[in-house]
Amino acid sequence: MNAFWIILTGSLVAVTCGLLGCFLTLRKMAMIGDAIAHAVLPGIVIAFLLSGKDSLPILIGAASFGLLTTFIIEYLQHTGKLQGDAAIGLTFTFLFAIGVILIAVYADQIDLDQDCVLHGEIAYVPLDTWLTKSGINLGPTPVWILSTVFLLVLSMIIIGYKGLFLTTFDPAYALSIGISTTLWHYLLMGAVSLTTVVSFESVGAVLVVAFLVGPPSIAYLLTDRLPVMLLLSSVAGILAAFGGYFLAVWIDGSIAGAMTVVLGFEFLLTFIFAPRYGLLRFK
């Protein structure tokens, strides 16, 4: 049963991150997830110092700094005239450094460090169970939380597909027909912040970033249609979750690391053999 919960957790993160990652990839913002995963550290530390190890305040603090990160990046790009990669690099290193300083100054005697707040362990997911007052075991709490986030993201994409589509591919046309590119940008960034913060507590920041970038990149090489790209990204992420778990069992190694390795092999095969865009593409 533990294997089921671990694979389900990995699949939920893979699909949710992959769906959002498709839009990030098409907007040339694929590494924003990595920026958010590091830039939320000050929010985690501040919330911890104010409330202790209560999960909800820490989640709120982290999500707040995730949104702050996107605001700063957007401001630097449009007002500071910086390239996107430079704005992302400057923002997340600055905020991450603030978090490190806060830990060193205020939490050096407390069990709180960069590893424990940024690097989750998916193997521990089955241990964090949700028990009702009557003693009924409803399964791991992270699975319920991640399922809720997945449904929220899926609903946003389905309901707001037109807005996301137009602001991704033709923002000028979107503006001309009254669709706010700023609104959809921050809705997307808010979803990315929420997903990143919720996910890395369970699976670790590295795997979250891998799922934000890997499956969408695989799908990008296989199709030119956004609906198909979203579907292929989800399939690639689920396959990586399955394959990574069994690879980890076989080699007795890190599950998150194995999932990332399988995802890397998926991309390599796609990069070589993709029908239209692979190195050995069919003429």
C-alpha atoms as a PDB file:
ATOM      1  CA  MET A   1       0.000   0.000   0.000  1.00  0.00           C
ATOM      2  CA  ASN A   2       2.910   2.354   0.669  1.00  0.00           C
ATOM      3  CA  ALA A   3       3.997   2.005  -2.962  1.00  0.00           C
ATOM      4  CA  PHE A   4       0.522   3.080  -4.127  1.00  0.00           C
ATOM      5  CA  TRP A   5       0.546   6.238  -2.006  1.00  0.00           C
ATOM      6  CA  ILE A   6       4.071   7.187  -3.075  1.00  0.00           C
ATOM      7  CA  ILE A   7       3.317   6.691  -6.769  1.00  0.00           C
ATOM      8  CA  LEU A   8      -0.001   8.536  -6.437  1.00  0.00           C
ATOM      9  CA  THR A   9       1.736  11.456  -4.728  1.00  0.00           C
ATOM     10  CA  GLY A  10       4.401  11.591  -7.420  1.00  0.00           C
ATOM     11  CA  SER A  11       1.756  11.399 -10.156  1.00  0.00           C
ATOM     12  CA  LEU A  12      -0.322  14.210  -8.637  1.00  0.00           C
ATOM     13  CA  VAL A  13       2.709  16.478  -8.428  1.00  0.00           C
ATOM     14  CA  ALA A  14       3.814  15.459 -11.930  1.00  0.00           C
ATOM     15  CA  VAL A  15       0.459  16.195 -13.551  1.00  0.00           C
ATOM     16  CA  THR A  16      -0.185  19.449 -11.692  1.00  0.00           C
ATOM     17  CA  CYS A  17       3.306  20.787 -12.299  1.00  0.00           C
ATOM     18  CA  GLY A  18       3.265  19.530 -15.887  1.00  0.00           C
ATOM     19  CA  LEU A  19       0.019  21.325 -16.734  1.00  0.00           C
ATOM     20  CA  LEU A  20       1.316  24.618 -15.369  1.00  0.00           C
ATOM     21  CA  GLY A  21       4.764  23.971 -16.823  1.00  0.00           C
ATOM     22  CA  CYS A  22       3.328  23.819 -20.343  1.00  0.00           C
ATOM     23  CA  PHE A  23       2.248  27.459 -20.088  1.00  0.00           C
ATOM     24  CA  LEU A  24       5.537  28.451 -18.438  1.00  0.00           C
ATOM     25  CA  THR A  25       7.519  26.737 -21.198  1.00  0.00           C
ATOM     26  CA  LEU A  26       5.519  28.431 -23.947  1.00  0.00           C
ATOM     27  CA  ARG A  27       5.991  31.796 -22.200  1.00  0.00           C
ATOM     28  CA  LYS A  28       9.743  31.156 -21.879  1.00  0.00           C
ATOM     29  CA  MET A  29       9.495  31.193 -18.070  1.00  0.00           C
ATOM     30  CA  ALA A  30      10.290  27.539 -17.376  1.00  0.00           C
ATOM     31  CA  MET A  31      12.688  28.257 -14.501  1.00  0.00           C
ATOM     32  CA  ILE A  32      10.267  30.421 -12.528  1.00  0.00           C
ATOM     33  CA  GLY A  33       9.427  27.333 -10.473  1.00  0.00           C
ATOM     34  CA  ASP A  34      13.026  26.977  -9.365  1.00  0.00           C
ATOM     35  CA  ALA A  35      13.073  30.649  -8.417  1.00  0.00           C
ATOM     36  CA  ILE A  36       9.911  30.314  -6.341  1.00  0.00           C
ATOM     37  CA  ALA A  37      11.118  27.112  -4.657  1.00  0.00           C
ATOM     38  CA  HIS A  38      14.139  28.984  -3.283  1.00  0.00           C
ATOM     39  CA  ALA A  39      12.671  32.458  -2.828  1.00  0.00           C
ATOM     40  CA  VAL A  40       9.976  31.275  -0.401  1.00  0.00           C
ATOM     41  CA  LEU A  41      12.588  30.513   2.281  1.00  0.00           C
ATOM     42  CA  PRO A  42      12.206  33.892   4.060  1.00  0.00           C
ATOM     43  CA  GLY A  43       8.441  33.402   4.216  1.00  0.00           C
ATOM     44  CA  ILE A  44       8.878  29.957   5.763  1.00  0.00           C
ATOM     45  CA  VAL A  45      11.348  31.236   8.347  1.00  0.00           C
ATOM     46  CA  ILE A  46       9.236  34.278   9.311  1.00  0.00           C
ATOM     47  CA  ALA A  47       6.090  32.159   9.645  1.00  0.00           C
ATOM     48  CA  PHE A  48       8.003  29.596  11.704  1.00  0.00           C
ATOM     49  CA  LEU A  49       9.376  32.231  14.055  1.00  0.00           C
ATOM     50  CA  LEU A  50       5.896  33.723  14.545  1.00  0.00           C
ATOM     51  CA  SER A  51       3.831  30.547  14.847  1.00  0.00           C
ATOM     52  CA  GLY A  52       6.140  27.573  15.361  1.00  0.00           C
ATOM     53  CA  LYS A  53       5.695  24.446  13.283  1.00  0.00           C
ATOM     54  CA  ASP A  54       2.022  25.030  12.464  1.00  0.00           C
ATOM     55  CA  SER A  55       1.636  24.027   8.809  1.00  0.00           C
ATOM     56  CA  LEU A  56      -0.993  26.576   7.728  1.00  0.00           C
ATOM     57  CA  PRO A  57       0.940  29.758   8.676  1.00  0.00           C
ATOM     58  CA  ILE A  58       4.086  28.311   7.078  1.00  0.00           C
ATOM     59  CA  LEU A  59       2.128  27.566   3.892  1.00  0.00           C
ATOM     60  CA  ILE A  60       0.689  31.081   3.874  1.00  0.00           C
ATOM     61  CA  GLY A  61       4.115  32.631   4.480  1.00  0.00           C
ATOM     62  CA  ALA A  62       5.724  30.589   1.729  1.00  0.00           C
ATOM     63  CA  ALA A  63       2.925  31.271  -0.759  1.00  0.00           C
ATOM     64  CA  SER A  64       3.090  34.999   0.014  1.00  0.00           C
ATOM     65  CA  PHE A  65       6.782  35.123  -0.807  1.00  0.00           C
ATOM     66  CA  GLY A  66       6.139  33.043  -3.911  1.00  0.00           C
ATOM     67  CA  LEU A  67       3.751  35.710  -5.151  1.00  0.00           C
ATOM     68  CA  LEU A  68       6.176  38.440  -4.079  1.00  0.00           C
ATOM     69  CA  THR A  69       8.823  36.744  -6.202  1.00  0.00           C
ATOM     70  CA  THR A  70       6.653  36.900  -9.303  1.00  0.00           C
ATOM     71  CA  PHE A  71       5.812  40.566  -8.654  1.00  0.00           C
ATOM     72  CA  ILE A  72       9.495  41.490  -8.328  1.00  0.00           C
ATOM     73  CA  ILE A  73      10.461  39.533 -11.449  1.00  0.00           C
ATOM     74  CA  GLU A  74       7.662  41.165 -13.442  1.00  0.00           C
ATOM     75  CA  TYR A  75       8.649  44.615 -12.171  1.00  0.00           C
ATOM     76  CA  LEU A  76      12.317  44.147 -13.047  1.00  0.00           C
ATOM     77  CA  GLN A  77      11.434  42.928 -16.530  1.00  0.00           C
ATOM     78  CA  HIS A  78       9.037  45.720 -17.444  1.00  0.00           C
ATOM     79  CA  THR A  79      10.370  48.634 -15.410  1.00  0.00           C
ATOM     80  CA  GLY A  80      14.015  47.726 -14.940  1.00  0.00           C
ATOM     81  CA  LYS A  81      14.290  46.555 -18.567  1.00  0.00           C
ATOM     82  CA  LEU A  82      16.033  43.320 -17.599  1.00  0.00           C
ATOM     83  CA  GLN A  83      15.859  40.071 -19.514  1.00  0.00           C
ATOM     84  CA  GLY A  84      13.651  37.408 -17.952  1.00  0.00           C
ATOM     85  CA  ASP A  85      16.493  35.079 -16.965  1.00  0.00           C
ATOM     86  CA  ALA A  86      18.427  37.919 -15.330  1.00  0.00           C
ATOM     87  CA  ALA A  87      15.354  39.073 -13.378  1.00  0.00           C
ATOM     88  CA  ILE A  88      14.677  35.517 -12.191  1.00  0.00           C
ATOM     89  CA  GLY A  89      18.307  34.961 -11.164  1.00  0.00           C
ATOM     90  CA  LEU A  90      18.598  38.212  -9.250  1.00  0.00           C
ATOM     91  CA  THR A  91      15.286  37.834  -7.455  1.00  0.00           C
ATOM     92  CA  PHE A  92      15.541  34.286  -6.198  1.00  0.00           C
ATOM     93  CA  THR A  93      19.181  34.566  -5.089  1.00  0.00           C
ATOM     94  CA  PHE A  94      18.409  37.783  -3.194  1.00  0.00           C
ATOM     95  CA  LEU A  95      15.365  36.372  -1.383  1.00  0.00           C
ATOM     96  CA  PHE A  96      17.005  33.009  -0.744  1.00  0.00           C
ATOM     97  CA  ALA A  97      20.005  34.775   0.793  1.00  0.00           C
ATOM     98  CA  ILE A  98      17.679  36.731   3.085  1.00  0.00           C
ATOM     99  CA  GLY A  99      16.184  33.429   4.231  1.00  0.00           C
ATOM    100  CA  VAL A 100      19.610  31.980   4.933  1.00  0.00           C
ATOM    101  CA  ILE A 101      20.552  35.067   6.985  1.00  0.00           C
ATOM    102  CA  LEU A 102      17.289  34.875   8.960  1.00  0.00           C
ATOM    103  CA  ILE A 103      18.011  31.241   9.797  1.00  0.00           C
ATOM    104  CA  ALA A 104      21.583  32.028  10.822  1.00  0.00           C
ATOM    105  CA  VAL A 105      20.556  34.963  13.039  1.00  0.00           C
ATOM    106  CA  TYR A 106      17.272  33.847  14.585  1.00  0.00           C
ATOM    107  CA  ALA A 107      17.016  30.074  14.164  1.00  0.00           C
ATOM    108  CA  ASP A 108      20.518  28.672  14.434  1.00  0.00           C
ATOM    109  CA  GLN A 109      19.592  26.830  17.661  1.00  0.00           C
ATOM    110  CA  ILE A 110      16.316  25.502  16.248  1.00  0.00           C
ATOM    111  CA  ASP A 111      15.723  22.467  14.036  1.00  0.00           C
ATOM    112  CA  LEU A 112      15.175  24.617  10.976  1.00  0.00           C
ATOM    113  CA  ASP A 113      17.598  24.719   8.077  1.00  0.00           C
ATOM    114  CA  GLN A 114      17.611  24.969   4.303  1.00  0.00           C
ATOM    115  CA  ASP A 115      17.423  21.198   3.925  1.00  0.00           C
ATOM    116  CA  CYS A 116      14.424  20.624   6.196  1.00  0.00           C
ATOM    117  CA  VAL A 117      12.349  23.431   4.675  1.00  0.00           C
ATOM    118  CA  LEU A 118      13.243  22.927   1.013  1.00  0.00           C
ATOM    119  CA  HIS A 119      13.900  19.208   0.617  1.00  0.00           C
ATOM    120  CA  GLY A 120      10.962  16.933   1.276  1.00  0.00           C
ATOM    121  CA  GLU A 121      11.085  13.145   1.142  1.00  0.00           C
ATOM    122  CA  ILE A 122       8.370  11.395  -0.827  1.00  0.00           C
ATOM    123  CA  ALA A 123       9.103   8.088   0.926  1.00  0.00           C
ATOM    124  CA  TYR A 124       7.667   9.559   4.148  1.00  0.00           C
ATOM    125  CA  VAL A 125       4.299  10.459   2.597  1.00  0.00           C
ATOM    126  CA  PRO A 126       2.511   7.255   3.771  1.00  0.00           C
ATOM    127  CA  LEU A 127       3.484   8.055   7.367  1.00  0.00           C
ATOM    128  CA  ASP A 128       1.591  11.373   7.484  1.00  0.00           C
ATOM    129  CA  THR A 129      -1.928   9.954   7.706  1.00  0.00           C
ATOM    130  CA  TRP A 130      -5.236  11.724   8.204  1.00  0.00           C
ATOM    131  CA  LEU A 131      -7.195  10.151  11.050  1.00  0.00           C
ATOM    132  CA  THR A 132     -10.787  11.125  11.795  1.00  0.00           C
ATOM    133  CA  LYS A 133     -12.053  11.588  15.349  1.00  0.00           C
ATOM    134  CA  SER A 134     -13.539   8.104  15.140  1.00  0.00           C
ATOM    135  CA  GLY A 135     -10.156   6.644  14.208  1.00  0.00           C
ATOM    136  CA  ILE A 136     -10.808   6.073  10.497  1.00  0.00           C
ATOM    137  CA  ASN A 137      -7.657   6.273   8.397  1.00  0.00           C
ATOM    138  CA  LEU A 138      -8.356   8.360   5.289  1.00  0.00           C
ATOM    139  CA  GLY A 139      -4.852   7.962   3.877  1.00  0.00           C
ATOM    140  CA  PRO A 140      -1.906  10.361   3.715  1.00  0.00           C
ATOM    141  CA  THR A 141      -2.708  14.015   4.290  1.00  0.00           C
ATOM    142  CA  PRO A 142      -0.377  15.189   1.470  1.00  0.00           C
ATOM    143  CA  VAL A 143      -2.415  13.176  -1.048  1.00  0.00           C
ATOM    144  CA  TRP A 144      -5.595  15.034  -0.058  1.00  0.00           C
ATOM    145  CA  ILE A 145      -3.838  18.409  -0.192  1.00  0.00           C
ATOM    146  CA  LEU A 146      -2.201  17.694  -3.548  1.00  0.00           C
ATOM    147  CA  SER A 147      -5.485  16.369  -4.962  1.00  0.00           C
ATOM    148  CA  THR A 148      -7.195  19.622  -3.971  1.00  0.00           C
ATOM    149  CA  VAL A 149      -4.477  21.703  -5.619  1.00  0.00           C
ATOM    150  CA  PHE A 150      -4.669  19.529  -8.748  1.00  0.00           C
ATOM    151  CA  LEU A 151      -8.436  20.067  -9.011  1.00  0.00           C
ATOM    152  CA  LEU A 152      -7.995  23.825  -8.512  1.00  0.00           C
ATOM    153  CA  VAL A 153      -5.344  24.019 -11.237  1.00  0.00           C
ATOM    154  CA  LEU A 154      -7.353  21.833 -13.610  1.00  0.00           C
ATOM    155  CA  SER A 155     -10.456  23.957 -13.030  1.00  0.00           C
ATOM    156  CA  MET A 156      -8.494  27.145 -13.694  1.00  0.00           C
ATOM    157  CA  ILE A 157      -7.156  25.757 -16.974  1.00  0.00           C
ATOM    158  CA  ILE A 158     -10.556  24.460 -18.138  1.00  0.00           C
ATOM    159  CA  ILE A 159     -12.525  27.577 -17.184  1.00  0.00           C
ATOM    160  CA  GLY A 160      -9.834  30.038 -18.229  1.00  0.00           C
ATOM    161  CA  TYR A 161      -8.468  28.165 -21.236  1.00  0.00           C
ATOM    162  CA  LYS A 162      -9.250  30.979 -23.682  1.00  0.00           C
ATOM    163  CA  GLY A 163      -7.567  33.617 -21.536  1.00  0.00           C
ATOM    164  CA  LEU A 164      -4.493  31.471 -20.899  1.00  0.00           C
ATOM    165  CA  PHE A 165      -4.257  30.466 -24.563  1.00  0.00           C
ATOM    166  CA  LEU A 166      -4.501  33.973 -26.000  1.00  0.00           C
ATOM    167  CA  THR A 167      -2.245  35.649 -23.434  1.00  0.00           C
ATOM    168  CA  THR A 168       0.360  32.932 -24.008  1.00  0.00           C
ATOM    169  CA  PHE A 169       0.441  32.956 -27.816  1.00  0.00           C
ATOM    170  CA  ASP A 170      -0.778  36.447 -28.789  1.00  0.00           C
ATOM    171  CA  PRO A 171      -0.881  38.893 -25.871  1.00  0.00           C
ATOM    172  CA  ALA A 172      -1.336  41.884 -28.191  1.00  0.00           C
ATOM    173  CA  TYR A 173      -4.490  40.398 -29.679  1.00  0.00           C
ATOM    174  CA  ALA A 174      -5.698  39.444 -26.199  1.00  0.00           C
ATOM    175  CA  LEU A 175      -5.352  43.058 -25.073  1.00  0.00           C
ATOM    176  CA  SER A 176      -7.159  44.307 -28.180  1.00  0.00           C
ATOM    177  CA  ILE A 177     -10.261  42.241 -27.355  1.00  0.00           C
ATOM    178  CA  GLY A 178     -10.256  43.215 -23.694  1.00  0.00           C
ATOM    179  CA  ILE A 179      -8.482  40.263 -22.067  1.00  0.00           C
ATOM    180  CA  SER A 180      -6.101  41.379 -19.314  1.00  0.00           C
ATOM    181  CA  THR A 181      -2.661  39.864 -19.814  1.00  0.00           C
ATOM    182  CA  THR A 182      -1.605  41.069 -16.360  1.00  0.00           C
ATOM    183  CA  LEU A 183      -4.525  39.309 -14.675  1.00  0.00           C
ATOM    184  CA  TRP A 184      -3.826  35.977 -16.371  1.00  0.00           C
ATOM    185  CA  HIS A 185      -0.099  36.309 -15.743  1.00  0.00           C
ATOM    186  CA  TYR A 186      -0.607  36.659 -12.010  1.00  0.00           C
ATOM    187  CA  LEU A 187      -3.285  33.980 -11.891  1.00  0.00           C
ATOM    188  CA  LEU A 188      -0.809  31.607 -13.526  1.00  0.00           C
ATOM    189  CA  MET A 189       2.011  32.693 -11.220  1.00  0.00           C
ATOM    190  CA  GLY A 190      -0.252  32.338  -8.204  1.00  0.00           C
ATOM    191  CA  ALA A 191      -1.107  28.785  -9.249  1.00  0.00           C
ATOM    192  CA  VAL A 192       2.592  28.021  -9.757  1.00  0.00           C
ATOM    193  CA  SER A 193       3.430  29.458  -6.321  1.00  0.00           C
ATOM    194  CA  LEU A 194       0.714  27.447  -4.581  1.00  0.00           C
ATOM    195  CA  THR A 195       1.637  24.224  -6.383  1.00  0.00           C
ATOM    196  CA  THR A 196       5.349  24.659  -5.764  1.00  0.00           C
ATOM    197  CA  VAL A 197       4.967  25.408  -2.060  1.00  0.00           C
ATOM    198  CA  VAL A 198       2.495  22.582  -1.416  1.00  0.00           C
ATOM    199  CA  SER A 199       4.470  20.059  -3.476  1.00  0.00           C
ATOM    200  CA  PHE A 200       8.025  20.532  -2.299  1.00  0.00           C
ATOM    201  CA  GLU A 201       7.095  19.821   1.327  1.00  0.00           C
ATOM    202  CA  SER A 202       6.163  16.302   0.193  1.00  0.00           C
ATOM    203  CA  VAL A 203       8.486  15.507  -2.693  1.00  0.00           C
ATOM    204  CA  GLY A 204      11.343  18.027  -2.487  1.00  0.00           C
ATOM    205  CA  ALA A 205      12.233  21.129  -4.459  1.00  0.00           C
ATOM    206  CA  VAL A 206      14.385  19.299  -7.017  1.00  0.00           C
ATOM    207  CA  LEU A 207      11.589  16.954  -8.084  1.00  0.00           C
ATOM    208  CA  VAL A 208       9.095  19.826  -8.252  1.00  0.00           C
ATOM    209  CA  VAL A 209      11.352  21.768 -10.602  1.00  0.00           C
ATOM    210  CA  ALA A 210      11.978  18.616 -12.657  1.00  0.00           C
ATOM    211  CA  PHE A 211       8.232  18.076 -13.085  1.00  0.00           C
ATOM    212  CA  LEU A 212       7.675  21.744 -13.969  1.00  0.00           C
ATOM    213  CA  VAL A 213      10.249  21.604 -16.758  1.00  0.00           C
ATOM    214  CA  GLY A 214      10.670  17.970 -17.870  1.00  0.00           C
ATOM    215  CA  PRO A 215       7.197  16.758 -18.954  1.00  0.00           C
ATOM    216  CA  PRO A 216       6.310  20.037 -20.750  1.00  0.00           C
ATOM    217  CA  SER A 217       9.653  19.935 -22.597  1.00  0.00           C
ATOM    218  CA  ILE A 218       8.962  16.357 -23.698  1.00  0.00           C
ATOM    219  CA  ALA A 219       5.468  17.275 -24.865  1.00  0.00           C
ATOM    220  CA  TYR A 220       6.780  20.407 -26.608  1.00  0.00           C
ATOM    221  CA  LEU A 221       8.945  18.240 -28.865  1.00  0.00           C
ATOM    222  CA  LEU A 222       6.053  15.928 -29.747  1.00  0.00           C
ATOM    223  CA  THR A 223       3.234  18.275 -30.732  1.00  0.00           C
ATOM    224  CA  ASP A 224       2.308  21.766 -31.886  1.00  0.00           C
ATOM    225  CA  ARG A 225      -1.170  21.699 -30.312  1.00  0.00           C
ATOM    226  CA  LEU A 226      -1.667  22.942 -26.764  1.00  0.00           C
ATOM    227  CA  PRO A 227      -4.407  20.451 -25.714  1.00  0.00           C
ATOM    228  CA  VAL A 228      -2.243  17.553 -26.905  1.00  0.00           C
ATOM    229  CA  MET A 229       0.769  19.093 -25.180  1.00  0.00           C
ATOM    230  CA  LEU A 230      -1.116  19.223 -21.877  1.00  0.00           C
ATOM    231  CA  LEU A 231      -2.146  15.565 -22.243  1.00  0.00           C
ATOM    232  CA  LEU A 232       1.315  14.322 -23.250  1.00  0.00           C
ATOM    233  CA  SER A 233       2.925  16.279 -20.416  1.00  0.00           C
ATOM    234  CA  SER A 234       0.625  14.566 -17.916  1.00  0.00           C
ATOM    235  CA  VAL A 235       1.359  11.118 -19.376  1.00  0.00           C
ATOM    236  CA  ALA A 236       5.127  11.723 -19.315  1.00  0.00           C
ATOM    237  CA  GLY A 237       4.971  12.818 -15.671  1.00  0.00           C
ATOM    238  CA  ILE A 238       2.921   9.807 -14.580  1.00  0.00           C
ATOM    239  CA  LEU A 239       5.283   7.423 -16.387  1.00  0.00           C
ATOM    240  CA  ALA A 240       8.226   9.055 -14.602  1.00  0.00           C
ATOM    241  CA  ALA A 241       6.478   8.625 -11.234  1.00  0.00           C
ATOM    242  CA  PHE A 242       5.825   4.935 -11.899  1.00  0.00           C
ATOM    243  CA  GLY A 243       9.209   4.187 -13.436  1.00  0.00           C
ATOM    244  CA  GLY A 244      11.101   6.210 -10.839  1.00  0.00           C
ATOM    245  CA  TYR A 245       9.553   4.370  -7.927  1.00  0.00           C
ATOM    246  CA  PHE A 246      10.422   0.920  -9.279  1.00  0.00           C
ATOM    247  CA  LEU A 247      13.904   2.082 -10.281  1.00  0.00           C
ATOM    248  CA  ALA A 248      14.449   3.328  -6.711  1.00  0.00           C
ATOM    249  CA  VAL A 249      13.278  -0.018  -5.305  1.00  0.00           C
ATOM    250  CA  TRP A 250      15.584  -1.879  -7.692  1.00  0.00           C
ATOM    251  CA  ILE A 251      18.703   0.156  -6.865  1.00  0.00           C
ATOM    252  CA  ASP A 252      17.668   0.869  -3.238  1.00  0.00           C
ATOM    253  CA  GLY A 253      18.121   4.587  -3.809  1.00  0.00           C
ATOM    254  CA  SER A 254      16.318   7.918  -3.577  1.00  0.00           C
ATOM    255  CA  ILE A 255      12.799   7.794  -4.966  1.00  0.00           C
ATOM    256  CA  ALA A 256      12.723  11.462  -5.940  1.00  0.00           C
ATOM    257  CA  GLY A 257      16.136  11.118  -7.548  1.00  0.00           C
ATOM    258  CA  ALA A 258      15.047   8.039  -9.472  1.00  0.00           C
ATOM    259  CA  MET A 259      11.903   9.783 -10.736  1.00  0.00           C
ATOM    260  CA  THR A 260      14.024  12.664 -11.972  1.00  0.00           C
ATOM    261  CA  VAL A 261      16.441  10.260 -13.688  1.00  0.00           C
ATOM    262  CA  VAL A 262      13.591   8.443 -15.455  1.00  0.00           C
ATOM    263  CA  LEU A 263      12.238  11.812 -16.562  1.00  0.00           C
ATOM    264  CA  GLY A 264      15.673  12.659 -17.932  1.00  0.00           C
ATOM    265  CA  PHE A 265      15.755   9.418 -19.936  1.00  0.00           C
ATOM    266  CA  GLU A 266      12.265  10.151 -21.268  1.00  0.00           C
ATOM    267  CA  PHE A 267      13.452  13.534 -22.471  1.00  0.00           C
ATOM    268  CA  LEU A 268      16.603  12.066 -24.006  1.00  0.00           C
ATOM    269  CA  LEU A 269      14.598   9.508 -25.988  1.00  0.00           C
ATOM    270  CA  THR A 270      12.172  12.200 -27.116  1.00  0.00           C
ATOM    271  CA  PHE A 271      15.001  14.555 -28.045  1.00  0.00           C
ATOM    272  CA  ILE A 272      16.505  11.862 -30.265  1.00  0.00           C
ATOM    273  CA  PHE A 273      13.443  10.128 -31.714  1.00  0.00           C
ATOM    274  CA  ALA A 274      10.663  12.753 -31.779  1.00  0.00           C
ATOM    275  CA  PRO A 275       8.999  12.402 -35.211  1.00  0.00           C
ATOM    276  CA  ARG A 276       9.200  16.071 -36.247  1.00  0.00           C
ATOM    277  CA  TYR A 277      11.739  17.719 -33.949  1.00  0.00           C
ATOM    278  CA  GLY A 278      14.072  14.920 -32.823  1.00  0.00           C
ATOM    279  CA  LEU A 279      17.674  14.534 -33.888  1.00  0.00           C
ATOM    280  CA  LEU A 280      16.680  11.486 -35.964  1.00  0.00           C
ATOM    281  CA  ARG A 281      13.385  12.991 -37.105  1.00  0.00           C
ATOM    282  CA  PHE A 282      11.617  11.427 -40.014  1.00  0.00           C
ATOM    283  CA  LYS A 283      12.066  13.355 -43.250  1.00  0.00           C
END
